[in-house]
Amino acid sequence: MAPVLSPPNQQQAAFVCCGVRIDPMGPAQAAAAVRDLAVARRSAAVHLCNANNLSVAMRDESYRELLNDSTYNFADGFPVAWAGRRAGHEVMDERVYGPTLMIDVMRLGVEAGLRHYLYGSTPEVVEALAANLTEQIPGLQIAGIESPPFGDVAPEQQRELADRLRAADAHIVWVGISSPRQDRFCREAAPVLGMPLLAVGAAFDFHAGTKPMAPAFLQDHGLEWAFRLATEPRRLWRRYLVGNTVFLAGLARDAAAGPRPLVPTQRTGGAAEPPVAVNQKG
């Protein structure tokens, strides 16, 4: 595991959902935290956790460890946010939705002079994304756009990307490739690139206008997955029908175990210490 990431916020005890540390923040807190990382150009990997990637984490120990070792894990899915509220985190009355977080951070970053690098999807999508965002957010600075080759990004390619980011004077990288590949890339590349990386996946397609976003009513009732399944059944049926079943089993297991807030742990320069869950039952 690559070392030297900015540590998570130690002022708030996180909690465990399906074996993964979740940082208890609402949308405004999360956007401000990411903005601060970018202003400081701190190496950081930020992930949006939902039923899909938490179900993967339950079955893949290396992926679970990767998430637990990252800087922030926000509750992208409503069921994850609801789990946070059950654990006593009243601030989690809303989820930290990836597409909205992207817009919020970009708006906050205008005053701070942040320069954003868009890394992901196809050339057509990332070009449309940059154009739409620039039109939507006055003063937004796009440092560069890039559609990466399919497959894992080798260490040499990461170093070449770091050179391009420095030349572009970027502060933050938004990553839009498939999960869990984007999460692995963010965690491995952040120490090399020297700035925060955020895995936002489908936000690229939504803001580029190439895929429809679920209506607000469905989102507010935790049914975005049903809308996406209906629009892309062949690609997503296994993710949602199998993954959601695994996720629900994880939630049931967590509920049976009782609330498990994490005791904050300090990092000492290497990989993070594993999170320590405290079972409050009994």
C-alpha atoms as a PDB file:
ATOM      1  CA  MET A   1       0.000   0.000   0.000  1.00  0.00           C
ATOM      2  CA  ALA A   2       1.370   3.401  -0.962  1.00  0.00           C
ATOM      3  CA  PRO A   3       2.110   5.550   2.138  1.00  0.00           C
ATOM      4  CA  VAL A   4       1.791   9.203   3.034  1.00  0.00           C
ATOM      5  CA  LEU A   5      -1.766  10.392   2.657  1.00  0.00           C
ATOM      6  CA  SER A   6      -3.336  13.235   4.553  1.00  0.00           C
ATOM      7  CA  PRO A   7      -5.012  11.718   7.619  1.00  0.00           C
ATOM      8  CA  PRO A   8      -8.766  11.737   8.113  1.00  0.00           C
ATOM      9  CA  ASN A   9     -10.424  14.369  10.261  1.00  0.00           C
ATOM     10  CA  GLN A  10      -9.564  13.367  13.822  1.00  0.00           C
ATOM     11  CA  GLN A  11     -12.090  15.743  15.387  1.00  0.00           C
ATOM     12  CA  GLN A  12     -15.062  13.504  14.605  1.00  0.00           C
ATOM     13  CA  ALA A  13     -15.245   9.812  15.414  1.00  0.00           C
ATOM     14  CA  ALA A  14     -16.130   7.887  12.272  1.00  0.00           C
ATOM     15  CA  PHE A  15     -18.330   4.795  12.235  1.00  0.00           C
ATOM     16  CA  VAL A  16     -18.228   1.420  10.524  1.00  0.00           C
ATOM     17  CA  CYS A  17     -20.619   0.381   7.756  1.00  0.00           C
ATOM     18  CA  CYS A  18     -20.111  -3.045   6.166  1.00  0.00           C
ATOM     19  CA  GLY A  19     -16.561  -3.119   7.493  1.00  0.00           C
ATOM     20  CA  VAL A  20     -15.590   0.281   6.054  1.00  0.00           C
ATOM     21  CA  ARG A  21     -14.815   3.506   7.944  1.00  0.00           C
ATOM     22  CA  ILE A  22     -17.308   6.232   7.022  1.00  0.00           C
ATOM     23  CA  ASP A  23     -16.558   9.861   7.894  1.00  0.00           C
ATOM     24  CA  PRO A  24     -19.669  11.542   9.355  1.00  0.00           C
ATOM     25  CA  MET A  25     -20.170  14.685   7.326  1.00  0.00           C
ATOM     26  CA  GLY A  26     -23.011  16.345   5.517  1.00  0.00           C
ATOM     27  CA  PRO A  27     -22.683  17.864   2.026  1.00  0.00           C
ATOM     28  CA  ALA A  28     -21.475  21.301   3.164  1.00  0.00           C
ATOM     29  CA  GLN A  29     -18.880  19.882   5.561  1.00  0.00           C
ATOM     30  CA  ALA A  30     -17.580  17.456   2.948  1.00  0.00           C
ATOM     31  CA  ALA A  31     -17.258  20.156   0.287  1.00  0.00           C
ATOM     32  CA  ALA A  32     -15.348  22.423   2.659  1.00  0.00           C
ATOM     33  CA  ALA A  33     -13.040  19.575   3.710  1.00  0.00           C
ATOM     34  CA  VAL A  34     -12.180  18.768   0.098  1.00  0.00           C
ATOM     35  CA  ARG A  35     -11.695  22.454  -0.734  1.00  0.00           C
ATOM     36  CA  ASP A  36      -9.229  22.744   2.147  1.00  0.00           C
ATOM     37  CA  LEU A  37      -7.263  19.702   0.943  1.00  0.00           C
ATOM     38  CA  ALA A  38      -7.041  21.193  -2.542  1.00  0.00           C
ATOM     39  CA  VAL A  39      -5.975  24.657  -1.347  1.00  0.00           C
ATOM     40  CA  ALA A  40      -3.146  23.022   0.604  1.00  0.00           C
ATOM     41  CA  ARG A  41      -2.357  20.607  -2.271  1.00  0.00           C
ATOM     42  CA  ARG A  42      -2.269  17.724   0.171  1.00  0.00           C
ATOM     43  CA  SER A  43      -1.975  14.157  -1.099  1.00  0.00           C
ATOM     44  CA  ALA A  44      -5.389  12.664  -0.419  1.00  0.00           C
ATOM     45  CA  ALA A  45      -7.692   9.933  -1.683  1.00  0.00           C
ATOM     46  CA  VAL A  46     -11.398  10.670  -1.256  1.00  0.00           C
ATOM     47  CA  HIS A  47     -14.096   8.078  -1.916  1.00  0.00           C
ATOM     48  CA  LEU A  48     -17.882   8.118  -2.169  1.00  0.00           C
ATOM     49  CA  CYS A  49     -19.326   5.032  -0.484  1.00  0.00           C
ATOM     50  CA  ASN A  50     -22.613   3.456  -1.526  1.00  0.00           C
ATOM     51  CA  ALA A  51     -24.247   0.043  -1.673  1.00  0.00           C
ATOM     52  CA  ASN A  52     -22.217  -1.002  -4.695  1.00  0.00           C
ATOM     53  CA  ASN A  53     -18.689  -0.374  -3.491  1.00  0.00           C
ATOM     54  CA  LEU A  54     -19.450  -1.387   0.097  1.00  0.00           C
ATOM     55  CA  SER A  55     -20.759  -4.727  -1.184  1.00  0.00           C
ATOM     56  CA  VAL A  56     -17.474  -5.128  -3.071  1.00  0.00           C
ATOM     57  CA  ALA A  57     -15.545  -4.225   0.092  1.00  0.00           C
ATOM     58  CA  MET A  58     -17.385  -6.928   2.033  1.00  0.00           C
ATOM     59  CA  ARG A  59     -16.137  -9.561  -0.430  1.00  0.00           C
ATOM     60  CA  ASP A  60     -12.683  -8.144  -1.218  1.00  0.00           C
ATOM     61  CA  GLU A  61     -10.362  -7.652   1.747  1.00  0.00           C
ATOM     62  CA  SER A  62      -7.737  -5.705  -0.215  1.00  0.00           C
ATOM     63  CA  TYR A  63     -10.369  -3.239  -1.432  1.00  0.00           C
ATOM     64  CA  ARG A  64     -11.776  -2.888   2.083  1.00  0.00           C
ATOM     65  CA  GLU A  65      -8.293  -2.137   3.426  1.00  0.00           C
ATOM     66  CA  LEU A  66      -7.763   0.412   0.639  1.00  0.00           C
ATOM     67  CA  LEU A  67     -10.895   2.329   1.633  1.00  0.00           C
ATOM     68  CA  ASN A  68     -10.058   2.183   5.320  1.00  0.00           C
ATOM     69  CA  ASP A  69      -6.580   3.544   4.576  1.00  0.00           C
ATOM     70  CA  SER A  70      -7.819   6.536   2.570  1.00  0.00           C
ATOM     71  CA  THR A  71      -8.267  10.134   3.673  1.00  0.00           C
ATOM     72  CA  TYR A  72     -12.057  10.442   3.549  1.00  0.00           C
ATOM     73  CA  ASN A  73     -14.940   8.055   2.877  1.00  0.00           C
ATOM     74  CA  PHE A  74     -18.205   9.966   2.455  1.00  0.00           C
ATOM     75  CA  ALA A  75     -21.710   8.479   2.505  1.00  0.00           C
ATOM     76  CA  ASP A  76     -22.751   8.713  -1.144  1.00  0.00           C
ATOM     77  CA  GLY A  77     -25.742   6.400  -0.704  1.00  0.00           C
ATOM     78  CA  PHE A  78     -28.806   7.241   1.375  1.00  0.00           C
ATOM     79  CA  PRO A  79     -28.739   3.871   3.198  1.00  0.00           C
ATOM     80  CA  VAL A  80     -25.149   4.629   4.262  1.00  0.00           C
ATOM     81  CA  ALA A  81     -26.197   8.081   5.512  1.00  0.00           C
ATOM     82  CA  TRP A  82     -29.154   6.535   7.349  1.00  0.00           C
ATOM     83  CA  ALA A  83     -26.734   4.103   9.015  1.00  0.00           C
ATOM     84  CA  GLY A  84     -24.722   7.126  10.161  1.00  0.00           C
ATOM     85  CA  ARG A  85     -27.793   8.728  11.698  1.00  0.00           C
ATOM     86  CA  ARG A  86     -28.592   5.489  13.524  1.00  0.00           C
ATOM     87  CA  ALA A  87     -25.033   5.621  14.872  1.00  0.00           C
ATOM     88  CA  GLY A  88     -25.788   9.057  16.335  1.00  0.00           C
ATOM     89  CA  HIS A  89     -24.442  11.392  13.635  1.00  0.00           C
ATOM     90  CA  GLU A  90     -27.261  13.913  13.226  1.00  0.00           C
ATOM     91  CA  VAL A  91     -25.289  15.838  10.594  1.00  0.00           C
ATOM     92  CA  MET A  92     -25.865  12.942   8.189  1.00  0.00           C
ATOM     93  CA  ASP A  93     -29.440  13.898   7.363  1.00  0.00           C
ATOM     94  CA  GLU A  94     -28.349  14.047   3.726  1.00  0.00           C
ATOM     95  CA  ARG A  95     -25.964  11.948   1.693  1.00  0.00           C
ATOM     96  CA  VAL A  96     -22.799  13.366   0.139  1.00  0.00           C
ATOM     97  CA  TYR A  97     -23.812  12.764  -3.473  1.00  0.00           C
ATOM     98  CA  GLY A  98     -20.808  12.630  -5.811  1.00  0.00           C
ATOM     99  CA  PRO A  99     -22.203  14.817  -8.640  1.00  0.00           C
ATOM    100  CA  THR A 100     -23.371  17.449  -6.135  1.00  0.00           C
ATOM    101  CA  LEU A 101     -20.096  17.360  -4.212  1.00  0.00           C
ATOM    102  CA  MET A 102     -18.255  18.025  -7.471  1.00  0.00           C
ATOM    103  CA  ILE A 103     -20.305  21.162  -8.149  1.00  0.00           C
ATOM    104  CA  ASP A 104     -20.116  22.365  -4.533  1.00  0.00           C
ATOM    105  CA  VAL A 105     -16.322  22.039  -4.370  1.00  0.00           C
ATOM    106  CA  MET A 106     -15.908  23.770  -7.709  1.00  0.00           C
ATOM    107  CA  ARG A 107     -18.076  26.688  -6.594  1.00  0.00           C
ATOM    108  CA  LEU A 108     -16.171  27.003  -3.323  1.00  0.00           C
ATOM    109  CA  GLY A 109     -12.921  26.805  -5.248  1.00  0.00           C
ATOM    110  CA  VAL A 110     -13.613  29.804  -7.465  1.00  0.00           C
ATOM    111  CA  GLU A 111     -12.789  32.294  -4.701  1.00  0.00           C
ATOM    112  CA  ALA A 112      -9.756  30.230  -3.684  1.00  0.00           C
ATOM    113  CA  GLY A 113      -8.467  30.128  -7.270  1.00  0.00           C
ATOM    114  CA  LEU A 114      -8.515  26.327  -7.479  1.00  0.00           C
ATOM    115  CA  ARG A 115      -7.602  24.716 -10.771  1.00  0.00           C
ATOM    116  CA  HIS A 116      -9.356  21.410 -11.530  1.00  0.00           C
ATOM    117  CA  TYR A 117      -8.115  18.491 -13.623  1.00  0.00           C
ATOM    118  CA  LEU A 118     -10.713  16.143 -15.134  1.00  0.00           C
ATOM    119  CA  TYR A 119      -9.411  12.593 -15.591  1.00  0.00           C
ATOM    120  CA  GLY A 120     -11.675   9.871 -16.930  1.00  0.00           C
ATOM    121  CA  SER A 121     -14.290   8.580 -19.342  1.00  0.00           C
ATOM    122  CA  THR A 122     -13.977   9.064 -23.124  1.00  0.00           C
ATOM    123  CA  PRO A 123     -12.553  12.109 -24.940  1.00  0.00           C
ATOM    124  CA  GLU A 124     -16.056  13.135 -26.028  1.00  0.00           C
ATOM    125  CA  VAL A 125     -17.505  12.912 -22.522  1.00  0.00           C
ATOM    126  CA  VAL A 126     -14.667  14.723 -20.764  1.00  0.00           C
ATOM    127  CA  GLU A 127     -14.727  17.533 -23.349  1.00  0.00           C
ATOM    128  CA  ALA A 128     -18.490  17.968 -22.910  1.00  0.00           C
ATOM    129  CA  LEU A 129     -18.031  17.829 -19.139  1.00  0.00           C
ATOM    130  CA  ALA A 130     -15.465  20.641 -19.151  1.00  0.00           C
ATOM    131  CA  ALA A 131     -17.633  22.788 -21.423  1.00  0.00           C
ATOM    132  CA  ASN A 132     -20.779  22.288 -19.332  1.00  0.00           C
ATOM    133  CA  LEU A 133     -19.051  22.923 -16.015  1.00  0.00           C
ATOM    134  CA  THR A 134     -17.360  26.082 -17.271  1.00  0.00           C
ATOM    135  CA  GLU A 135     -20.713  27.397 -18.493  1.00  0.00           C
ATOM    136  CA  GLN A 136     -22.500  26.453 -15.263  1.00  0.00           C
ATOM    137  CA  ILE A 137     -19.911  27.848 -12.808  1.00  0.00           C
ATOM    138  CA  PRO A 138     -18.633  31.367 -13.606  1.00  0.00           C
ATOM    139  CA  GLY A 139     -14.951  31.748 -12.836  1.00  0.00           C
ATOM    140  CA  LEU A 140     -14.257  27.994 -12.804  1.00  0.00           C
ATOM    141  CA  GLN A 141     -10.697  27.141 -13.832  1.00  0.00           C
ATOM    142  CA  ILE A 142     -10.172  23.856 -15.667  1.00  0.00           C
ATOM    143  CA  ALA A 143      -6.449  23.064 -15.577  1.00  0.00           C
ATOM    144  CA  GLY A 144      -6.727  20.173 -18.015  1.00  0.00           C
ATOM    145  CA  ILE A 145      -8.776  17.243 -19.234  1.00  0.00           C
ATOM    146  CA  GLU A 146      -7.665  13.715 -20.014  1.00  0.00           C
ATOM    147  CA  SER A 147      -9.259  10.450 -21.069  1.00  0.00           C
ATOM    148  CA  PRO A 148      -6.989   7.706 -19.705  1.00  0.00           C
ATOM    149  CA  PRO A 149      -6.280   4.428 -21.469  1.00  0.00           C
ATOM    150  CA  PHE A 150      -8.375   1.468 -20.385  1.00  0.00           C
ATOM    151  CA  GLY A 151      -6.849  -0.670 -17.656  1.00  0.00           C
ATOM    152  CA  ASP A 152      -4.610  -0.023 -14.689  1.00  0.00           C
ATOM    153  CA  VAL A 153      -2.315   3.000 -14.693  1.00  0.00           C
ATOM    154  CA  ALA A 154       1.273   1.812 -14.318  1.00  0.00           C
ATOM    155  CA  PRO A 155       3.703   3.603 -11.953  1.00  0.00           C
ATOM    156  CA  GLU A 156       5.547   5.183 -14.882  1.00  0.00           C
ATOM    157  CA  GLN A 157       2.249   6.505 -16.277  1.00  0.00           C
ATOM    158  CA  GLN A 158       1.432   7.937 -12.846  1.00  0.00           C
ATOM    159  CA  ARG A 159       4.751   9.815 -12.806  1.00  0.00           C
ATOM    160  CA  GLU A 160       4.060  11.160 -16.302  1.00  0.00           C
ATOM    161  CA  LEU A 161       0.613  12.289 -15.153  1.00  0.00           C
ATOM    162  CA  ALA A 162       2.223  14.021 -12.173  1.00  0.00           C
ATOM    163  CA  ASP A 163       4.426  15.968 -14.600  1.00  0.00           C
ATOM    164  CA  ARG A 164       1.374  17.045 -16.600  1.00  0.00           C
ATOM    165  CA  LEU A 165      -0.446  18.125 -13.445  1.00  0.00           C
ATOM    166  CA  ARG A 166       2.492  20.230 -12.300  1.00  0.00           C
ATOM    167  CA  ALA A 167       2.747  21.819 -15.739  1.00  0.00           C
ATOM    168  CA  ALA A 168      -0.981  22.600 -15.620  1.00  0.00           C
ATOM    169  CA  ASP A 169      -0.697  24.021 -12.067  1.00  0.00           C
ATOM    170  CA  ALA A 170      -3.605  21.817 -10.941  1.00  0.00           C
ATOM    171  CA  HIS A 171      -4.843  21.669  -7.350  1.00  0.00           C
ATOM    172  CA  ILE A 172      -7.256  18.729  -7.503  1.00  0.00           C
ATOM    173  CA  VAL A 173      -8.041  15.754  -9.760  1.00  0.00           C
ATOM    174  CA  TRP A 174     -11.565  14.502 -10.399  1.00  0.00           C
ATOM    175  CA  VAL A 175     -11.557  10.844 -11.467  1.00  0.00           C
ATOM    176  CA  GLY A 176     -14.390   9.376 -13.508  1.00  0.00           C
ATOM    177  CA  ILE A 177     -13.697   5.745 -14.330  1.00  0.00           C
ATOM    178  CA  SER A 178     -15.477   2.588 -13.241  1.00  0.00           C
ATOM    179  CA  SER A 179     -15.579   1.459  -9.622  1.00  0.00           C
ATOM    180  CA  PRO A 180     -13.663  -0.106  -7.921  1.00  0.00           C
ATOM    181  CA  ARG A 181     -10.878   0.674 -10.417  1.00  0.00           C
ATOM    182  CA  GLN A 182     -11.171   4.421  -9.801  1.00  0.00           C
ATOM    183  CA  ASP A 183     -10.848   3.925  -6.049  1.00  0.00           C
ATOM    184  CA  ARG A 184      -7.702   1.848  -6.451  1.00  0.00           C
ATOM    185  CA  PHE A 185      -6.231   4.450  -8.790  1.00  0.00           C
ATOM    186  CA  CYS A 186      -6.952   7.326  -6.382  1.00  0.00           C
ATOM    187  CA  ARG A 187      -5.387   5.564  -3.419  1.00  0.00           C
ATOM    188  CA  GLU A 188      -2.287   4.415  -5.326  1.00  0.00           C
ATOM    189  CA  ALA A 189      -1.705   7.618  -7.292  1.00  0.00           C
ATOM    190  CA  ALA A 190      -2.413  10.305  -4.666  1.00  0.00           C
ATOM    191  CA  PRO A 191       1.028  10.132  -3.002  1.00  0.00           C
ATOM    192  CA  VAL A 192       2.684  10.288  -6.431  1.00  0.00           C
ATOM    193  CA  LEU A 193       0.565  13.154  -7.750  1.00  0.00           C
ATOM    194  CA  GLY A 194       0.774  15.245  -4.575  1.00  0.00           C
ATOM    195  CA  MET A 195      -2.812  16.520  -4.465  1.00  0.00           C
ATOM    196  CA  PRO A 196      -6.312  15.268  -3.619  1.00  0.00           C
ATOM    197  CA  LEU A 197      -7.975  12.789  -5.973  1.00  0.00           C
ATOM    198  CA  LEU A 198     -11.731  12.207  -5.836  1.00  0.00           C
ATOM    199  CA  ALA A 199     -13.430   9.165  -7.342  1.00  0.00           C
ATOM    200  CA  VAL A 200     -16.780  10.450  -8.645  1.00  0.00           C
ATOM    201  CA  GLY A 201     -17.566   7.915 -11.400  1.00  0.00           C
ATOM    202  CA  ALA A 202     -20.876   8.576 -13.134  1.00  0.00           C
ATOM    203  CA  ALA A 203     -20.759  12.287 -12.229  1.00  0.00           C
ATOM    204  CA  PHE A 204     -18.756  12.729 -15.426  1.00  0.00           C
ATOM    205  CA  ASP A 205     -21.603  11.347 -17.566  1.00  0.00           C
ATOM    206  CA  PHE A 206     -24.315  13.176 -15.630  1.00  0.00           C
ATOM    207  CA  HIS A 207     -22.685  16.603 -15.878  1.00  0.00           C
ATOM    208  CA  ALA A 208     -21.618  15.991 -19.479  1.00  0.00           C
ATOM    209  CA  GLY A 209     -25.246  15.242 -20.320  1.00  0.00           C
ATOM    210  CA  THR A 210     -24.508  11.810 -21.787  1.00  0.00           C
ATOM    211  CA  LYS A 211     -26.533   9.890 -19.175  1.00  0.00           C
ATOM    212  CA  PRO A 212     -29.691  10.947 -17.316  1.00  0.00           C
ATOM    213  CA  MET A 213     -29.623  11.631 -13.591  1.00  0.00           C
ATOM    214  CA  ALA A 214     -32.380  10.086 -11.485  1.00  0.00           C
ATOM    215  CA  PRO A 215     -35.270  12.422 -10.603  1.00  0.00           C
ATOM    216  CA  ALA A 216     -34.932  14.100  -7.218  1.00  0.00           C
ATOM    217  CA  PHE A 217     -37.952  12.206  -5.829  1.00  0.00           C
ATOM    218  CA  LEU A 218     -36.297   8.845  -6.462  1.00  0.00           C
ATOM    219  CA  GLN A 219     -32.963  10.075  -5.110  1.00  0.00           C
ATOM    220  CA  ASP A 220     -34.571  11.404  -1.929  1.00  0.00           C
ATOM    221  CA  HIS A 221     -36.172   8.009  -1.263  1.00  0.00           C
ATOM    222  CA  GLY A 222     -33.036   5.962  -1.878  1.00  0.00           C
ATOM    223  CA  LEU A 223     -34.243   4.649  -5.247  1.00  0.00           C
ATOM    224  CA  GLU A 224     -31.619   6.043  -7.598  1.00  0.00           C
ATOM    225  CA  TRP A 225     -30.386   2.489  -8.100  1.00  0.00           C
ATOM    226  CA  ALA A 226     -33.783   1.460  -9.538  1.00  0.00           C
ATOM    227  CA  PHE A 227     -33.703   4.332 -12.030  1.00  0.00           C
ATOM    228  CA  ARG A 228     -30.179   3.493 -13.155  1.00  0.00           C
ATOM    229  CA  LEU A 229     -31.050  -0.199 -13.426  1.00  0.00           C
ATOM    230  CA  ALA A 230     -34.038   0.670 -15.616  1.00  0.00           C
ATOM    231  CA  THR A 231     -31.911   2.851 -17.911  1.00  0.00           C
ATOM    232  CA  GLU A 232     -28.941   0.441 -18.184  1.00  0.00           C
ATOM    233  CA  PRO A 233     -30.243  -3.050 -17.299  1.00  0.00           C
ATOM    234  CA  ARG A 234     -27.657  -5.100 -19.181  1.00  0.00           C
ATOM    235  CA  ARG A 235     -24.696  -3.291 -17.660  1.00  0.00           C
ATOM    236  CA  LEU A 236     -26.003  -2.804 -14.129  1.00  0.00           C
ATOM    237  CA  TRP A 237     -28.271  -5.747 -13.280  1.00  0.00           C
ATOM    238  CA  ARG A 238     -25.562  -7.722 -11.505  1.00  0.00           C
ATOM    239  CA  ARG A 239     -24.243  -4.662  -9.640  1.00  0.00           C
ATOM    240  CA  TYR A 240     -27.614  -3.809  -8.153  1.00  0.00           C
ATOM    241  CA  LEU A 241     -29.421  -7.132  -7.809  1.00  0.00           C
ATOM    242  CA  VAL A 242     -26.435  -9.039  -6.445  1.00  0.00           C
ATOM    243  CA  GLY A 243     -24.559  -6.134  -4.870  1.00  0.00           C
ATOM    244  CA  ASN A 244     -27.606  -4.692  -3.112  1.00  0.00           C
ATOM    245  CA  THR A 245     -28.395  -8.097  -1.621  1.00  0.00           C
ATOM    246  CA  VAL A 246     -24.872  -8.370  -0.212  1.00  0.00           C
ATOM    247  CA  PHE A 247     -25.068  -4.785   1.083  1.00  0.00           C
ATOM    248  CA  LEU A 248     -28.391  -5.370   2.831  1.00  0.00           C
ATOM    249  CA  ALA A 249     -26.926  -8.439   4.489  1.00  0.00           C
ATOM    250  CA  GLY A 250     -24.070  -6.253   5.706  1.00  0.00           C
ATOM    251  CA  LEU A 251     -26.484  -3.676   7.116  1.00  0.00           C
ATOM    252  CA  ALA A 252     -28.379  -6.439   8.913  1.00  0.00           C
ATOM    253  CA  ARG A 253     -25.138  -7.723  10.374  1.00  0.00           C
ATOM    254  CA  ASP A 254     -24.187  -4.218  11.522  1.00  0.00           C
ATOM    255  CA  ALA A 255     -27.619  -3.706  13.097  1.00  0.00           C
ATOM    256  CA  ALA A 256     -27.327  -6.976  14.995  1.00  0.00           C
ATOM    257  CA  ALA A 257     -23.875  -5.967  16.274  1.00  0.00           C
ATOM    258  CA  GLY A 258     -25.096  -2.553  17.423  1.00  0.00           C
ATOM    259  CA  PRO A 259     -23.556   0.898  16.798  1.00  0.00           C
ATOM    260  CA  ARG A 260     -19.812   0.733  16.200  1.00  0.00           C
ATOM    261  CA  PRO A 261     -18.182   4.193  16.220  1.00  0.00           C
ATOM    262  CA  LEU A 262     -14.480   4.264  15.488  1.00  0.00           C
ATOM    263  CA  VAL A 263     -11.899   5.398  17.961  1.00  0.00           C
ATOM    264  CA  PRO A 264      -9.899   7.999  15.967  1.00  0.00           C
ATOM    265  CA  THR A 265      -6.340   6.835  15.328  1.00  0.00           C
ATOM    266  CA  GLN A 266      -3.382   9.014  14.454  1.00  0.00           C
ATOM    267  CA  ARG A 267      -1.202   8.135  11.465  1.00  0.00           C
ATOM    268  CA  THR A 268       2.512   8.181  11.966  1.00  0.00           C
ATOM    269  CA  GLY A 269       3.747   8.529   8.378  1.00  0.00           C
ATOM    270  CA  GLY A 270       3.262   5.056   6.976  1.00  0.00           C
ATOM    271  CA  ALA A 271       0.068   3.256   6.154  1.00  0.00           C
ATOM    272  CA  ALA A 272      -2.806   4.064   8.448  1.00  0.00           C
ATOM    273  CA  GLU A 273      -3.434   2.063  11.543  1.00  0.00           C
ATOM    274  CA  PRO A 274      -6.539  -0.120  11.098  1.00  0.00           C
ATOM    275  CA  PRO A 275      -9.736   1.423  12.416  1.00  0.00           C
ATOM    276  CA  VAL A 276     -10.799   0.216  15.840  1.00  0.00           C
ATOM    277  CA  ALA A 277     -14.512  -0.442  16.224  1.00  0.00           C
ATOM    278  CA  VAL A 278     -16.147  -0.158  19.618  1.00  0.00           C
ATOM    279  CA  ASN A 279     -19.248  -2.262  20.127  1.00  0.00           C
ATOM    280  CA  GLN A 280     -21.553  -0.317  22.406  1.00  0.00           C
ATOM    281  CA  LYS A 281     -23.930  -3.174  23.106  1.00  0.00           C
ATOM    282  CA  GLY A 282     -23.921  -4.655  26.550  1.00  0.00           C
END
